[in-house]
């Protein structure tokens, strides 16, 4: 169905935007340099964005399975 495919595009755009919001300009050198600061707790808006990323990622997977099943 076309509804699932259109929904897949919108969900993918949302997940991409959420992931880009989370990345704080950290490339490979930045991640190696800050390896010890990675294990801190998330608070406030950062936690909300993290949880939304997980929720929308799960929705992308479920929608992908629905696309496969309905075709």
PDB file of N, CA and C in Angstrom:
ATOM      1  N   UNK A   1       0.830  -1.185   0.000  1.00  0.00           N
ATOM      2  CA  UNK A   1       0.000   0.000   0.000  1.00  0.00           C
ATOM      3  C   UNK A   1       0.876   1.250   0.000  1.00  0.00           C
ATOM      4  N   UNK A   2       0.347   2.259  -0.648  1.00  0.00           N
ATOM      5  CA  UNK A   2       1.108   3.497  -0.756  1.00  0.00           C
ATOM      6  C   UNK A   2       1.174   4.263   0.554  1.00  0.00           C
ATOM      7  N   UNK A   3       0.207   4.040   1.426  1.00  0.00           N
ATOM      8  CA  UNK A   3       0.188   4.758   2.706  1.00  0.00           C
ATOM      9  C   UNK A   3       1.410   4.393   3.538  1.00  0.00           C
ATOM     10  N   UNK A   4       1.748   3.100   3.556  1.00  0.00           N
ATOM     11  CA  UNK A   4       2.913   2.653   4.329  1.00  0.00           C
ATOM     12  C   UNK A   4       4.214   3.203   3.746  1.00  0.00           C
ATOM     13  N   UNK A   5       4.278   3.285   2.432  1.00  0.00           N
ATOM     14  CA  UNK A   5       5.497   3.798   1.799  1.00  0.00           C
ATOM     15  C   UNK A   5       5.674   5.292   2.055  1.00  0.00           C
ATOM     16  N   UNK A   6       4.579   6.031   1.999  1.00  0.00           N
ATOM     17  CA  UNK A   6       4.650   7.462   2.296  1.00  0.00           C
ATOM     18  C   UNK A   6       4.999   7.673   3.760  1.00  0.00           C
ATOM     19  N   UNK A   7       4.381   6.871   4.633  1.00  0.00           N
ATOM     20  CA  UNK A   7       4.688   6.941   6.062  1.00  0.00           C
ATOM     21  C   UNK A   7       6.158   6.611   6.321  1.00  0.00           C
ATOM     22  N   UNK A   8       6.709   5.669   5.555  1.00  0.00           N
ATOM     23  CA  UNK A   8       8.114   5.288   5.712  1.00  0.00           C
ATOM     24  C   UNK A   8       9.035   6.470   5.404  1.00  0.00           C
ATOM     25  N   UNK A   9       8.708   7.224   4.395  1.00  0.00           N
ATOM     26  CA  UNK A   9       9.525   8.390   4.028  1.00  0.00           C
ATOM     27  C   UNK A   9       9.495   9.420   5.158  1.00  0.00           C
ATOM     28  N   UNK A  10       8.303   9.707   5.676  1.00  0.00           N
ATOM     29  CA  UNK A  10       8.191  10.701   6.747  1.00  0.00           C
ATOM     30  C   UNK A  10       8.891  10.225   8.027  1.00  0.00           C
ATOM     31  N   UNK A  11       8.721   8.954   8.375  1.00  0.00           N
ATOM     32  CA  UNK A  11       9.389   8.424   9.570  1.00  0.00           C
ATOM     33  C   UNK A  11      10.909   8.467   9.418  1.00  0.00           C
ATOM     34  N   UNK A  12      11.389   8.156   8.222  1.00  0.00           N
ATOM     35  CA  UNK A  12      12.835   8.183   7.987  1.00  0.00           C
ATOM     36  C   UNK A  12      13.392   9.595   8.098  1.00  0.00           C
ATOM     37  N   UNK A  13      12.664  10.568   7.600  1.00  0.00           N
ATOM     38  CA  UNK A  13      13.090  11.965   7.705  1.00  0.00           C
ATOM     39  C   UNK A  13      13.131  12.395   9.171  1.00  0.00           C
ATOM     40  N   UNK A  14      12.127  11.986   9.939  1.00  0.00           N
ATOM     41  CA  UNK A  14      12.085  12.341  11.361  1.00  0.00           C
ATOM     42  C   UNK A  14      13.241  11.707  12.115  1.00  0.00           C
ATOM     43  N   UNK A  15      13.521  10.426  11.848  1.00  0.00           N
ATOM     44  CA  UNK A  15      14.636   9.753  12.525  1.00  0.00           C
ATOM     45  C   UNK A  15      15.957  10.413  12.152  1.00  0.00           C
ATOM     46  N   UNK A  16      16.121  10.755  10.895  1.00  0.00           N
ATOM     47  CA  UNK A  16      17.350  11.418  10.461  1.00  0.00           C
ATOM     48  C   UNK A  16      17.519  12.761  11.165  1.00  0.00           C
ATOM     49  N   UNK A  17      16.449  13.520  11.266  1.00  0.00           N
ATOM     50  CA  UNK A  17      16.523  14.823  11.939  1.00  0.00           C
ATOM     51  C   UNK A  17      16.854  14.652  13.420  1.00  0.00           C
ATOM     52  N   UNK A  18      16.242  13.662  14.064  1.00  0.00           N
ATOM     53  CA  UNK A  18      16.522  13.433  15.485  1.00  0.00           C
ATOM     54  C   UNK A  18      17.966  13.018  15.717  1.00  0.00           C
ATOM     55  N   UNK A  19      18.501  12.185  14.835  1.00  0.00           N
ATOM     56  CA  UNK A  19      19.900  11.770  14.970  1.00  0.00           C
ATOM     57  C   UNK A  19      20.831  12.955  14.753  1.00  0.00           C
ATOM     58  N   UNK A  20      20.509  13.802  13.789  1.00  0.00           N
ATOM     59  CA  UNK A  20      21.346  14.979  13.540  1.00  0.00           C
ATOM     60  C   UNK A  20      21.288  15.960  14.702  1.00  0.00           C
ATOM     61  N   UNK A  21      20.141  16.056  15.354  1.00  0.00           N
ATOM     62  CA  UNK A  21      20.032  16.934  16.520  1.00  0.00           C
ATOM     63  C   UNK A  21      20.924  16.423  17.646  1.00  0.00           C
ATOM     64  N   UNK A  22      21.011  15.094  17.779  1.00  0.00           N
ATOM     65  CA  UNK A  22      21.807  14.511  18.863  1.00  0.00           C
ATOM     66  C   UNK A  22      23.299  14.671  18.659  1.00  0.00           C
ATOM     67  N   UNK A  23      23.751  14.600  17.412  1.00  0.00           N
ATOM     68  CA  UNK A  23      25.185  14.701  17.170  1.00  0.00           C
ATOM     69  C   UNK A  23      25.624  16.138  17.381  1.00  0.00           C
ATOM     70  N   UNK A  24      26.596  16.321  18.237  1.00  0.00           N
ATOM     71  CA  UNK A  24      27.039  17.669  18.600  1.00  0.00           C
ATOM     72  C   UNK A  24      28.350  18.018  17.911  1.00  0.00           C
ATOM     73  N   UNK A  25      28.396  17.854  16.629  1.00  0.00           N
ATOM     74  CA  UNK A  25      29.608  18.170  15.884  1.00  0.00           C
ATOM     75  C   UNK A  25      30.725  17.187  16.173  1.00  0.00           C
ATOM     76  N   UNK A  26      30.401  15.994  16.546  1.00  0.00           N
ATOM     77  CA  UNK A  26      31.418  15.017  16.908  1.00  0.00           C
ATOM     78  C   UNK A  26      31.768  14.124  15.746  1.00  0.00           C
ATOM     79  N   UNK A  27      32.966  14.282  15.227  1.00  0.00           N
ATOM     80  CA  UNK A  27      33.464  13.389  14.212  1.00  0.00           C
ATOM     81  C   UNK A  27      34.219  12.242  14.857  1.00  0.00           C
ATOM     82  N   UNK A  28      35.060  11.579  14.088  1.00  0.00           N
ATOM     83  CA  UNK A  28      35.819  10.451  14.622  1.00  0.00           C
ATOM     84  C   UNK A  28      36.831  10.918  15.661  1.00  0.00           C
ATOM     85  N   UNK A  29      37.516  12.007  15.390  1.00  0.00           N
ATOM     86  CA  UNK A  29      38.501  12.506  16.354  1.00  0.00           C
ATOM     87  C   UNK A  29      37.827  12.975  17.642  1.00  0.00           C
ATOM     88  N   UNK A  30      36.663  13.555  17.518  1.00  0.00           N
ATOM     89  CA  UNK A  30      35.941  14.025  18.688  1.00  0.00           C
ATOM     90  C   UNK A  30      35.485  12.862  19.551  1.00  0.00           C
ATOM     91  N   UNK A  31      35.051  11.770  18.925  1.00  0.00           N
ATOM     92  CA  UNK A  31      34.566  10.627  19.695  1.00  0.00           C
ATOM     93  C   UNK A  31      35.710   9.893  20.381  1.00  0.00           C
ATOM     94  N   UNK A  32      36.876   9.854  19.766  1.00  0.00           N
ATOM     95  CA  UNK A  32      38.026   9.216  20.398  1.00  0.00           C
ATOM     96  C   UNK A  32      38.504  10.047  21.580  1.00  0.00           C
ATOM     97  N   UNK A  33      38.491  11.356  21.424  1.00  0.00           N
ATOM     98  CA  UNK A  33      38.956  12.232  22.493  1.00  0.00           C
ATOM     99  C   UNK A  33      38.024  12.281  23.677  1.00  0.00           C
ATOM    100  N   UNK A  34      36.744  12.045  23.445  1.00  0.00           N
ATOM    101  CA  UNK A  34      35.791  12.147  24.542  1.00  0.00           C
ATOM    102  C   UNK A  34      35.224  10.791  24.920  1.00  0.00           C
ATOM    103  N   UNK A  35      36.049   9.776  24.886  1.00  0.00           N
ATOM    104  CA  UNK A  35      35.574   8.425  25.182  1.00  0.00           C
ATOM    105  C   UNK A  35      35.148   8.283  26.632  1.00  0.00           C
ATOM    106  N   UNK A  36      35.784   9.014  27.515  1.00  0.00           N
ATOM    107  CA  UNK A  36      35.460   8.869  28.932  1.00  0.00           C
ATOM    108  C   UNK A  36      34.268   9.713  29.353  1.00  0.00           C
ATOM    109  N   UNK A  37      33.908  10.717  28.570  1.00  0.00           N
ATOM    110  CA  UNK A  37      32.754  11.543  28.916  1.00  0.00           C
ATOM    111  C   UNK A  37      31.473  11.008  28.301  1.00  0.00           C
ATOM    112  N   UNK A  38      31.548   9.865  27.617  1.00  0.00           N
ATOM    113  CA  UNK A  38      30.382   9.320  26.959  1.00  0.00           C
ATOM    114  C   UNK A  38      29.390   8.729  27.964  1.00  0.00           C
ATOM    115  N   UNK A  39      29.846   8.289  29.101  1.00  0.00           N
ATOM    116  CA  UNK A  39      28.993   7.586  30.053  1.00  0.00           C
ATOM    117  C   UNK A  39      28.398   8.535  31.088  1.00  0.00           C
ATOM    118  N   UNK A  40      27.675   9.531  30.647  1.00  0.00           N
ATOM    119  CA  UNK A  40      26.995  10.431  31.561  1.00  0.00           C
ATOM    120  C   UNK A  40      25.499  10.294  31.332  1.00  0.00           C
ATOM    121  N   UNK A  41      24.727  10.696  32.303  1.00  0.00           N
ATOM    122  CA  UNK A  41      23.281  10.536  32.176  1.00  0.00           C
ATOM    123  C   UNK A  41      22.686  11.680  31.361  1.00  0.00           C
ATOM    124  N   UNK A  42      21.634  11.350  30.640  1.00  0.00           N
ATOM    125  CA  UNK A  42      20.955  12.347  29.828  1.00  0.00           C
ATOM    126  C   UNK A  42      19.872  13.007  30.680  1.00  0.00           C
ATOM    127  N   UNK A  43      19.685  14.298  30.464  1.00  0.00           N
ATOM    128  CA  UNK A  43      18.700  15.037  31.242  1.00  0.00           C
ATOM    129  C   UNK A  43      17.904  15.958  30.342  1.00  0.00           C
ATOM    130  N   UNK A  44      16.681  16.226  30.744  1.00  0.00           N
ATOM    131  CA  UNK A  44      15.849  17.230  30.085  1.00  0.00           C
ATOM    132  C   UNK A  44      15.557  16.920  28.637  1.00  0.00           C
ATOM    133  N   UNK A  45      15.763  17.927  27.790  1.00  0.00           N
ATOM    134  CA  UNK A  45      15.447  17.819  26.373  1.00  0.00           C
ATOM    135  C   UNK A  45      16.300  16.757  25.682  1.00  0.00           C
ATOM    136  N   UNK A  46      17.525  16.607  26.123  1.00  0.00           N
ATOM    137  CA  UNK A  46      18.413  15.597  25.545  1.00  0.00           C
ATOM    138  C   UNK A  46      17.829  14.200  25.736  1.00  0.00           C
ATOM    139  N   UNK A  47      17.254  13.948  26.888  1.00  0.00           N
ATOM    140  CA  UNK A  47      16.643  12.648  27.165  1.00  0.00           C
ATOM    141  C   UNK A  47      15.391  12.441  26.316  1.00  0.00           C
ATOM    142  N   UNK A  48      14.601  13.494  26.155  1.00  0.00           N
ATOM    143  CA  UNK A  48      13.383  13.410  25.340  1.00  0.00           C
ATOM    144  C   UNK A  48      13.736  13.094  23.895  1.00  0.00           C
ATOM    145  N   UNK A  49      14.736  13.773  23.353  1.00  0.00           N
ATOM    146  CA  UNK A  49      15.158  13.537  21.973  1.00  0.00           C
ATOM    147  C   UNK A  49      15.698  12.114  21.829  1.00  0.00           C
ATOM    148  N   UNK A  50      16.426  11.629  22.806  1.00  0.00           N
ATOM    149  CA  UNK A  50      16.961  10.271  22.780  1.00  0.00           C
ATOM    150  C   UNK A  50      15.834   9.244  22.748  1.00  0.00           C
ATOM    151  N   UNK A  51      14.839   9.428  23.600  1.00  0.00           N
ATOM    152  CA  UNK A  51      13.713   8.490  23.659  1.00  0.00           C
ATOM    153  C   UNK A  51      12.885   8.558  22.372  1.00  0.00           C
ATOM    154  N   UNK A  52      12.676   9.773  21.856  1.00  0.00           N
ATOM    155  CA  UNK A  52      11.940   9.912  20.596  1.00  0.00           C
ATOM    156  C   UNK A  52      12.674   9.235  19.437  1.00  0.00           C
ATOM    157  N   UNK A  53      13.996   9.294  19.442  1.00  0.00           N
ATOM    158  CA  UNK A  53      14.775   8.625  18.408  1.00  0.00           C
ATOM    159  C   UNK A  53      14.547   7.125  18.458  1.00  0.00           C
ATOM    160  N   UNK A  54      14.527   6.562  19.647  1.00  0.00           N
ATOM    161  CA  UNK A  54      14.291   5.126  19.795  1.00  0.00           C
ATOM    162  C   UNK A  54      12.877   4.770  19.336  1.00  0.00           C
ATOM    163  N   UNK A  55      11.900   5.549  19.749  1.00  0.00           N
ATOM    164  CA  UNK A  55      10.499   5.275  19.387  1.00  0.00           C
ATOM    165  C   UNK A  55      10.311   5.336  17.877  1.00  0.00           C
ATOM    166  N   UNK A  56      10.810   6.378  17.244  1.00  0.00           N
ATOM    167  CA  UNK A  56      10.634   6.508  15.805  1.00  0.00           C
ATOM    168  C   UNK A  56      11.448   5.466  15.036  1.00  0.00           C
ATOM    169  N   UNK A  57      12.580   5.044  15.572  1.00  0.00           N
ATOM    170  CA  UNK A  57      13.351   3.979  14.926  1.00  0.00           C
ATOM    171  C   UNK A  57      12.587   2.659  14.957  1.00  0.00           C
ATOM    172  N   UNK A  58      11.950   2.382  16.076  1.00  0.00           N
ATOM    173  CA  UNK A  58      11.128   1.164  16.171  1.00  0.00           C
ATOM    174  C   UNK A  58       9.948   1.252  15.202  1.00  0.00           C
ATOM    175  N   UNK A  59       9.352   2.438  15.083  1.00  0.00           N
ATOM    176  CA  UNK A  59       8.258   2.617  14.136  1.00  0.00           C
ATOM    177  C   UNK A  59       8.707   2.400  12.691  1.00  0.00           C
ATOM    178  N   UNK A  60       9.934   2.801  12.362  1.00  0.00           N
ATOM    179  CA  UNK A  60      10.472   2.576  11.020  1.00  0.00           C
ATOM    180  C   UNK A  60      10.596   1.076  10.757  1.00  0.00           C
ATOM    181  N   UNK A  61      11.091   0.341  11.744  1.00  0.00           N
ATOM    182  CA  UNK A  61      11.250  -1.107  11.576  1.00  0.00           C
ATOM    183  C   UNK A  61       9.887  -1.779  11.424  1.00  0.00           C
ATOM    184  N   UNK A  62       8.931  -1.417  12.262  1.00  0.00           N
ATOM    185  CA  UNK A  62       7.589  -2.004  12.178  1.00  0.00           C
ATOM    186  C   UNK A  62       6.940  -1.674  10.838  1.00  0.00           C
ATOM    187  N   UNK A  63       7.069  -0.430  10.409  1.00  0.00           N
ATOM    188  CA  UNK A  63       6.497  -0.027   9.123  1.00  0.00           C
ATOM    189  C   UNK A  63       7.169  -0.761   7.963  1.00  0.00           C
ATOM    190  N   UNK A  64       8.473  -0.991   8.073  1.00  0.00           N
ATOM    191  CA  UNK A  64       9.171  -1.747   7.033  1.00  0.00           C
ATOM    192  C   UNK A  64       8.639  -3.172   6.935  1.00  0.00           C
ATOM    193  N   UNK A  65       8.402  -3.787   8.084  1.00  0.00           N
ATOM    194  CA  UNK A  65       7.839  -5.136   8.088  1.00  0.00           C
ATOM    195  C   UNK A  65       6.424  -5.143   7.512  1.00  0.00           C
ATOM    196  N   UNK A  66       5.642  -4.115   7.819  1.00  0.00           N
ATOM    197  CA  UNK A  66       4.290  -4.027   7.249  1.00  0.00           C
ATOM    198  C   UNK A  66       4.326  -3.858   5.744  1.00  0.00           C
ATOM    199  N   UNK A  67       5.292  -3.117   5.241  1.00  0.00           N
ATOM    200  CA  UNK A  67       5.431  -2.951   3.786  1.00  0.00           C
ATOM    201  C   UNK A  67       5.747  -4.299   3.144  1.00  0.00           C
ATOM    202  N   UNK A  68       6.628  -5.060   3.778  1.00  0.00           N
ATOM    203  CA  UNK A  68       7.007  -6.364   3.219  1.00  0.00           C
ATOM    204  C   UNK A  68       5.822  -7.325   3.260  1.00  0.00           C
ATOM    205  N   UNK A  69       5.081  -7.315   4.349  1.00  0.00           N
ATOM    206  CA  UNK A  69       3.967  -8.249   4.510  1.00  0.00           C
ATOM    207  C   UNK A  69       2.824  -7.950   3.542  1.00  0.00           C
ATOM    208  N   UNK A  70       2.540  -6.664   3.329  1.00  0.00           N
ATOM    209  CA  UNK A  70       1.387  -6.310   2.500  1.00  0.00           C
ATOM    210  C   UNK A  70       1.656  -6.406   1.012  1.00  0.00           C
ATOM    211  N   UNK A  71       2.886  -6.612   0.609  1.00  0.00           N
ATOM    212  CA  UNK A  71       3.156  -6.725  -0.840  1.00  0.00           C
ATOM    213  C   UNK A  71       3.218  -8.136  -1.298  1.00  0.00           C
TER     214      UNK A  71
END
